[in-house]
Amino acid sequence: MDALFIHDHLALADASDLIERYGEDAAFEAAMRAERSRDDGNVVRFCHWRHIERVIATLTSDEVRGTVH
């Protein structure tokens, strides 16, 4: 997986909130919210929740990513 760009503090706050509330199902919840947004025709929120899904995957992974100094 390529390096992840986190565009603002809201992305981290949303990801952290879902992890806290849903635990292991946090990424699934983000995906469901993305699908709901897409079904509602809200492309901005769809992209936001897909991004949150990727942030959650990164935050909950034990894999080392990027350059280690």
PDB file of N, CA and C in Angstrom:
ATOM      1  N   MET A   1       0.848  -1.180   0.000  1.00  0.00           N
ATOM      2  CA  MET A   1       0.000   0.000   0.000  1.00  0.00           C
ATOM      3  C   MET A   1       0.888   1.236   0.000  1.00  0.00           C
ATOM      4  N   ASP A   2       0.504   2.233  -0.736  1.00  0.00           N
ATOM      5  CA  ASP A   2       1.264   3.474  -0.806  1.00  0.00           C
ATOM      6  C   ASP A   2       1.098   4.277   0.481  1.00  0.00           C
ATOM      7  N   ALA A   3       1.947   5.299   0.620  1.00  0.00           N
ATOM      8  CA  ALA A   3       1.861   6.173   1.785  1.00  0.00           C
ATOM      9  C   ALA A   3       0.498   6.864   1.807  1.00  0.00           C
ATOM     10  N   LEU A   4      -0.046   6.996   2.987  1.00  0.00           N
ATOM     11  CA  LEU A   4      -1.369   7.601   3.144  1.00  0.00           C
ATOM     12  C   LEU A   4      -1.236   9.076   3.472  1.00  0.00           C
ATOM     13  N   PHE A   5      -1.983   9.902   2.773  1.00  0.00           N
ATOM     14  CA  PHE A   5      -2.041  11.328   3.056  1.00  0.00           C
ATOM     15  C   PHE A   5      -3.275  11.586   3.906  1.00  0.00           C
ATOM     16  N   ILE A   6      -3.091  12.186   5.082  1.00  0.00           N
ATOM     17  CA  ILE A   6      -4.203  12.551   5.947  1.00  0.00           C
ATOM     18  C   ILE A   6      -4.359  14.055   5.836  1.00  0.00           C
ATOM     19  N   HIS A   7      -5.474  14.493   5.260  1.00  0.00           N
ATOM     20  CA  HIS A   7      -5.600  15.885   4.854  1.00  0.00           C
ATOM     21  C   HIS A   7      -5.939  16.874   5.959  1.00  0.00           C
ATOM     22  N   ASP A   8      -6.505  16.440   7.081  1.00  0.00           N
ATOM     23  CA  ASP A   8      -6.795  17.396   8.152  1.00  0.00           C
ATOM     24  C   ASP A   8      -7.075  16.681   9.465  1.00  0.00           C
ATOM     25  N   HIS A   9      -7.203  17.461  10.517  1.00  0.00           N
ATOM     26  CA  HIS A   9      -7.437  16.880  11.842  1.00  0.00           C
ATOM     27  C   HIS A   9      -8.815  16.234  11.946  1.00  0.00           C
ATOM     28  N   LEU A  10      -9.770  16.667  11.140  1.00  0.00           N
ATOM     29  CA  LEU A  10     -11.102  16.073  11.156  1.00  0.00           C
ATOM     30  C   LEU A  10     -11.045  14.604  10.748  1.00  0.00           C
ATOM     31  N   ALA A  11     -10.191  14.277   9.800  1.00  0.00           N
ATOM     32  CA  ALA A  11     -10.046  12.882   9.374  1.00  0.00           C
ATOM     33  C   ALA A  11      -9.561  12.020  10.529  1.00  0.00           C
ATOM     34  N   LEU A  12      -8.578  12.498  11.255  1.00  0.00           N
ATOM     35  CA  LEU A  12      -8.087  11.746  12.405  1.00  0.00           C
ATOM     36  C   LEU A  12      -9.130  11.670  13.507  1.00  0.00           C
ATOM     37  N   ALA A  13      -9.848  12.745  13.732  1.00  0.00           N
ATOM     38  CA  ALA A  13     -10.882  12.759  14.765  1.00  0.00           C
ATOM     39  C   ALA A  13     -11.999  11.773  14.422  1.00  0.00           C
ATOM     40  N   ASP A  14     -12.451  11.772  13.168  1.00  0.00           N
ATOM     41  CA  ASP A  14     -13.505  10.842  12.755  1.00  0.00           C
ATOM     42  C   ASP A  14     -13.028   9.394  12.852  1.00  0.00           C
ATOM     43  N   ALA A  15     -11.799   9.139  12.404  1.00  0.00           N
ATOM     44  CA  ALA A  15     -11.256   7.778  12.474  1.00  0.00           C
ATOM     45  C   ALA A  15     -11.119   7.328  13.923  1.00  0.00           C
ATOM     46  N   SER A  16     -10.598   8.180  14.773  1.00  0.00           N
ATOM     47  CA  SER A  16     -10.435   7.844  16.183  1.00  0.00           C
ATOM     48  C   SER A  16     -11.784   7.588  16.853  1.00  0.00           C
ATOM     49  N   ASP A  17     -12.765   8.410  16.513  1.00  0.00           N
ATOM     50  CA  ASP A  17     -14.100   8.247  17.080  1.00  0.00           C
ATOM     51  C   ASP A  17     -14.703   6.902  16.680  1.00  0.00           C
ATOM     52  N   LEU A  18     -14.581   6.541  15.408  1.00  0.00           N
ATOM     53  CA  LEU A  18     -15.137   5.261  14.965  1.00  0.00           C
ATOM     54  C   LEU A  18     -14.399   4.090  15.605  1.00  0.00           C
ATOM     55  N   ILE A  19     -13.091   4.190  15.749  1.00  0.00           N
ATOM     56  CA  ILE A  19     -12.315   3.124  16.396  1.00  0.00           C
ATOM     57  C   ILE A  19     -12.769   2.967  17.844  1.00  0.00           C
ATOM     58  N   GLU A  20     -12.962   4.089  18.516  1.00  0.00           N
ATOM     59  CA  GLU A  20     -13.395   4.052  19.916  1.00  0.00           C
ATOM     60  C   GLU A  20     -14.799   3.460  20.054  1.00  0.00           C
ATOM     61  N   ARG A  21     -15.696   3.842  19.155  1.00  0.00           N
ATOM     62  CA  ARG A  21     -17.092   3.407  19.256  1.00  0.00           C
ATOM     63  C   ARG A  21     -17.340   2.004  18.717  1.00  0.00           C
ATOM     64  N   TYR A  22     -16.630   1.625  17.641  1.00  0.00           N
ATOM     65  CA  TYR A  22     -16.933   0.377  16.960  1.00  0.00           C
ATOM     66  C   TYR A  22     -15.814  -0.667  17.040  1.00  0.00           C
ATOM     67  N   GLY A  23     -14.673  -0.304  17.570  1.00  0.00           N
ATOM     68  CA  GLY A  23     -13.574  -1.258  17.712  1.00  0.00           C
ATOM     69  C   GLY A  23     -13.143  -1.847  16.379  1.00  0.00           C
ATOM     70  N   GLU A  24     -13.118  -3.177  16.316  1.00  0.00           N
ATOM     71  CA  GLU A  24     -12.672  -3.866  15.098  1.00  0.00           C
ATOM     72  C   GLU A  24     -13.588  -3.612  13.903  1.00  0.00           C
ATOM     73  N   ASP A  25     -14.796  -3.178  14.148  1.00  0.00           N
ATOM     74  CA  ASP A  25     -15.752  -2.915  13.065  1.00  0.00           C
ATOM     75  C   ASP A  25     -15.729  -1.465  12.579  1.00  0.00           C
ATOM     76  N   ALA A  26     -14.747  -0.697  13.011  1.00  0.00           N
ATOM     77  CA  ALA A  26     -14.687   0.724  12.660  1.00  0.00           C
ATOM     78  C   ALA A  26     -14.570   0.943  11.154  1.00  0.00           C
ATOM     79  N   ALA A  27     -13.715   0.189  10.496  1.00  0.00           N
ATOM     80  CA  ALA A  27     -13.549   0.357   9.047  1.00  0.00           C
ATOM     81  C   ALA A  27     -14.837  -0.021   8.314  1.00  0.00           C
ATOM     82  N   PHE A  28     -15.509  -1.063   8.802  1.00  0.00           N
ATOM     83  CA  PHE A  28     -16.790  -1.460   8.212  1.00  0.00           C
ATOM     84  C   PHE A  28     -17.821  -0.346   8.372  1.00  0.00           C
ATOM     85  N   GLU A  29     -17.851   0.297   9.532  1.00  0.00           N
ATOM     86  CA  GLU A  29     -18.784   1.410   9.757  1.00  0.00           C
ATOM     87  C   GLU A  29     -18.481   2.569   8.813  1.00  0.00           C
ATOM     88  N   ALA A  30     -17.205   2.875   8.623  1.00  0.00           N
ATOM     89  CA  ALA A  30     -16.824   3.944   7.692  1.00  0.00           C
ATOM     90  C   ALA A  30     -17.267   3.592   6.270  1.00  0.00           C
ATOM     91  N   ALA A  31     -17.106   2.332   5.887  1.00  0.00           N
ATOM     92  CA  ALA A  31     -17.533   1.892   4.554  1.00  0.00           C
ATOM     93  C   ALA A  31     -19.046   2.016   4.394  1.00  0.00           C
ATOM     94  N   MET A  32     -19.784   1.659   5.442  1.00  0.00           N
ATOM     95  CA  MET A  32     -21.242   1.785   5.389  1.00  0.00           C
ATOM     96  C   MET A  32     -21.664   3.250   5.253  1.00  0.00           C
ATOM     97  N   ARG A  33     -20.977   4.132   5.962  1.00  0.00           N
ATOM     98  CA  ARG A  33     -21.295   5.557   5.848  1.00  0.00           C
ATOM     99  C   ARG A  33     -20.968   6.076   4.458  1.00  0.00           C
ATOM    100  N   ALA A  34     -19.884   5.572   3.871  1.00  0.00           N
ATOM    101  CA  ALA A  34     -19.533   5.966   2.507  1.00  0.00           C
ATOM    102  C   ALA A  34     -20.613   5.514   1.530  1.00  0.00           C
ATOM    103  N   GLU A  35     -21.055   4.274   1.665  1.00  0.00           N
ATOM    104  CA  GLU A  35     -22.106   3.758   0.782  1.00  0.00           C
ATOM    105  C   GLU A  35     -23.397   4.550   0.934  1.00  0.00           C
ATOM    106  N   ARG A  36     -23.747   4.885   2.160  1.00  0.00           N
ATOM    107  CA  ARG A  36     -24.954   5.683   2.406  1.00  0.00           C
ATOM    108  C   ARG A  36     -24.832   7.053   1.732  1.00  0.00           C
ATOM    109  N   SER A  37     -23.650   7.663   1.853  1.00  0.00           N
ATOM    110  CA  SER A  37     -23.432   8.968   1.224  1.00  0.00           C
ATOM    111  C   SER A  37     -23.528   8.866  -0.289  1.00  0.00           C
ATOM    112  N   ARG A  38     -22.958   7.791  -0.844  1.00  0.00           N
ATOM    113  CA  ARG A  38     -23.038   7.595  -2.291  1.00  0.00           C
ATOM    114  C   ARG A  38     -24.480   7.413  -2.728  1.00  0.00           C
ATOM    115  N   ASP A  39     -25.234   6.630  -1.974  1.00  0.00           N
ATOM    116  CA  ASP A  39     -26.649   6.414  -2.303  1.00  0.00           C
ATOM    117  C   ASP A  39     -27.449   7.713  -2.230  1.00  0.00           C
ATOM    118  N   ASP A  40     -27.036   8.617  -1.331  1.00  0.00           N
ATOM    119  CA  ASP A  40     -27.694   9.919  -1.204  1.00  0.00           C
ATOM    120  C   ASP A  40     -27.217  10.918  -2.253  1.00  0.00           C
ATOM    121  N   GLY A  41     -26.217  10.534  -3.049  1.00  0.00           N
ATOM    122  CA  GLY A  41     -25.682  11.423  -4.081  1.00  0.00           C
ATOM    123  C   GLY A  41     -24.694  12.446  -3.557  1.00  0.00           C
ATOM    124  N   ASN A  42     -24.184  12.239  -2.343  1.00  0.00           N
ATOM    125  CA  ASN A  42     -23.256  13.188  -1.744  1.00  0.00           C
ATOM    126  C   ASN A  42     -21.820  12.699  -1.949  1.00  0.00           C
ATOM    127  N   VAL A  43     -21.230  13.098  -3.065  1.00  0.00           N
ATOM    128  CA  VAL A  43     -19.904  12.601  -3.428  1.00  0.00           C
ATOM    129  C   VAL A  43     -18.815  13.093  -2.462  1.00  0.00           C
ATOM    130  N   VAL A  44     -18.984  14.273  -1.898  1.00  0.00           N
ATOM    131  CA  VAL A  44     -17.987  14.815  -0.968  1.00  0.00           C
ATOM    132  C   VAL A  44     -17.928  13.950   0.291  1.00  0.00           C
ATOM    133  N   ARG A  45     -19.079  13.638   0.863  1.00  0.00           N
ATOM    134  CA  ARG A  45     -19.115  12.787   2.062  1.00  0.00           C
ATOM    135  C   ARG A  45     -18.691  11.354   1.727  1.00  0.00           C
ATOM    136  N   PHE A  46     -19.023  10.878   0.532  1.00  0.00           N
ATOM    137  CA  PHE A  46     -18.577   9.559   0.105  1.00  0.00           C
ATOM    138  C   PHE A  46     -17.054   9.497   0.130  1.00  0.00           C
ATOM    139  N   CYS A  47     -16.406  10.479  -0.474  1.00  0.00           N
ATOM    140  CA  CYS A  47     -14.938  10.513  -0.499  1.00  0.00           C
ATOM    141  C   CYS A  47     -14.369  10.640   0.911  1.00  0.00           C
ATOM    142  N   HIS A  48     -15.020  11.446   1.748  1.00  0.00           N
ATOM    143  CA  HIS A  48     -14.570  11.619   3.133  1.00  0.00           C
ATOM    144  C   HIS A  48     -14.571  10.279   3.864  1.00  0.00           C
ATOM    145  N   TRP A  49     -15.674   9.542   3.799  1.00  0.00           N
ATOM    146  CA  TRP A  49     -15.769   8.287   4.544  1.00  0.00           C
ATOM    147  C   TRP A  49     -14.883   7.205   3.972  1.00  0.00           C
ATOM    148  N   ARG A  50     -14.636   7.196   2.667  1.00  0.00           N
ATOM    149  CA  ARG A  50     -13.672   6.252   2.092  1.00  0.00           C
ATOM    150  C   ARG A  50     -12.264   6.568   2.606  1.00  0.00           C
ATOM    151  N   HIS A  51     -11.962   7.855   2.705  1.00  0.00           N
ATOM    152  CA  HIS A  51     -10.670   8.272   3.245  1.00  0.00           C
ATOM    153  C   HIS A  51     -10.548   7.831   4.707  1.00  0.00           C
ATOM    154  N   ILE A  52     -11.602   8.002   5.473  1.00  0.00           N
ATOM    155  CA  ILE A  52     -11.602   7.588   6.877  1.00  0.00           C
ATOM    156  C   ILE A  52     -11.381   6.086   6.982  1.00  0.00           C
ATOM    157  N   GLU A  53     -11.960   5.333   6.081  1.00  0.00           N
ATOM    158  CA  GLU A  53     -11.761   3.882   6.059  1.00  0.00           C
ATOM    159  C   GLU A  53     -10.274   3.542   5.897  1.00  0.00           C
ATOM    160  N   ARG A  54      -9.584   4.261   5.013  1.00  0.00           N
ATOM    161  CA  ARG A  54      -8.151   4.027   4.816  1.00  0.00           C
ATOM    162  C   ARG A  54      -7.336   4.482   6.026  1.00  0.00           C
ATOM    163  N   VAL A  55      -7.738   5.587   6.641  1.00  0.00           N
ATOM    164  CA  VAL A  55      -7.050   6.069   7.844  1.00  0.00           C
ATOM    165  C   VAL A  55      -7.184   5.040   8.967  1.00  0.00           C
ATOM    166  N   ILE A  56      -8.360   4.486   9.139  1.00  0.00           N
ATOM    167  CA  ILE A  56      -8.581   3.477  10.168  1.00  0.00           C
ATOM    168  C   ILE A  56      -7.695   2.261   9.915  1.00  0.00           C
ATOM    169  N   ALA A  57      -7.625   1.828   8.679  1.00  0.00           N
ATOM    170  CA  ALA A  57      -6.772   0.680   8.348  1.00  0.00           C
ATOM    171  C   ALA A  57      -5.320   0.964   8.701  1.00  0.00           C
ATOM    172  N   THR A  58      -4.876   2.175   8.471  1.00  0.00           N
ATOM    173  CA  THR A  58      -3.504   2.553   8.796  1.00  0.00           C
ATOM    174  C   THR A  58      -3.294   2.627  10.299  1.00  0.00           C
ATOM    175  N   LEU A  59      -4.224   3.236  11.013  1.00  0.00           N
ATOM    176  CA  LEU A  59      -4.073   3.396  12.459  1.00  0.00           C
ATOM    177  C   LEU A  59      -4.140   2.067  13.202  1.00  0.00           C
ATOM    178  N   THR A  60      -4.872   1.115  12.684  1.00  0.00           N
ATOM    179  CA  THR A  60      -5.032  -0.155  13.387  1.00  0.00           C
ATOM    180  C   THR A  60      -4.065  -1.236  12.909  1.00  0.00           C
ATOM    181  N   SER A  61      -3.224  -0.906  11.945  1.00  0.00           N
ATOM    182  CA  SER A  61      -2.270  -1.876  11.407  1.00  0.00           C
ATOM    183  C   SER A  61      -1.003  -1.915  12.258  1.00  0.00           C
ATOM    184  N   ASP A  62      -0.441  -3.100  12.376  1.00  0.00           N
ATOM    185  CA  ASP A  62       0.846  -3.246  13.060  1.00  0.00           C
ATOM    186  C   ASP A  62       2.011  -3.130  12.097  1.00  0.00           C
ATOM    187  N   GLU A  63       1.714  -3.044  10.824  1.00  0.00           N
ATOM    188  CA  GLU A  63       2.732  -2.968   9.777  1.00  0.00           C
ATOM    189  C   GLU A  63       3.438  -1.614   9.807  1.00  0.00           C
ATOM    190  N   VAL A  64       4.754  -1.660   9.672  1.00  0.00           N
ATOM    191  CA  VAL A  64       5.538  -0.426   9.590  1.00  0.00           C
ATOM    192  C   VAL A  64       5.427   0.090   8.164  1.00  0.00           C
ATOM    193  N   ARG A  65       5.080   1.362   8.036  1.00  0.00           N
ATOM    194  CA  ARG A  65       4.916   1.965   6.704  1.00  0.00           C
ATOM    195  C   ARG A  65       5.860   3.133   6.552  1.00  0.00           C
ATOM    196  N   GLY A  66       6.289   3.350   5.341  1.00  0.00           N
ATOM    197  CA  GLY A  66       7.144   4.494   5.062  1.00  0.00           C
ATOM    198  C   GLY A  66       8.582   4.256   5.491  1.00  0.00           C
ATOM    199  N   THR A  67       9.333   5.316   5.502  1.00  0.00           N
ATOM    200  CA  THR A  67      10.744   5.247   5.845  1.00  0.00           C
ATOM    201  C   THR A  67      10.914   5.237   7.359  1.00  0.00           C
ATOM    202  N   VAL A  68      11.731   4.335   7.845  1.00  0.00           N
ATOM    203  CA  VAL A  68      12.036   4.261   9.265  1.00  0.00           C
ATOM    204  C   VAL A  68      13.440   4.806   9.455  1.00  0.00           C
ATOM    205  N   HIS A  69      13.577   5.815  10.292  1.00  0.00           N
ATOM    206  CA  HIS A  69      14.883   6.437  10.518  1.00  0.00           C
ATOM    207  C   HIS A  69      15.442   6.018  11.835  1.00  0.00           C
TER     208      HIS A  69
END
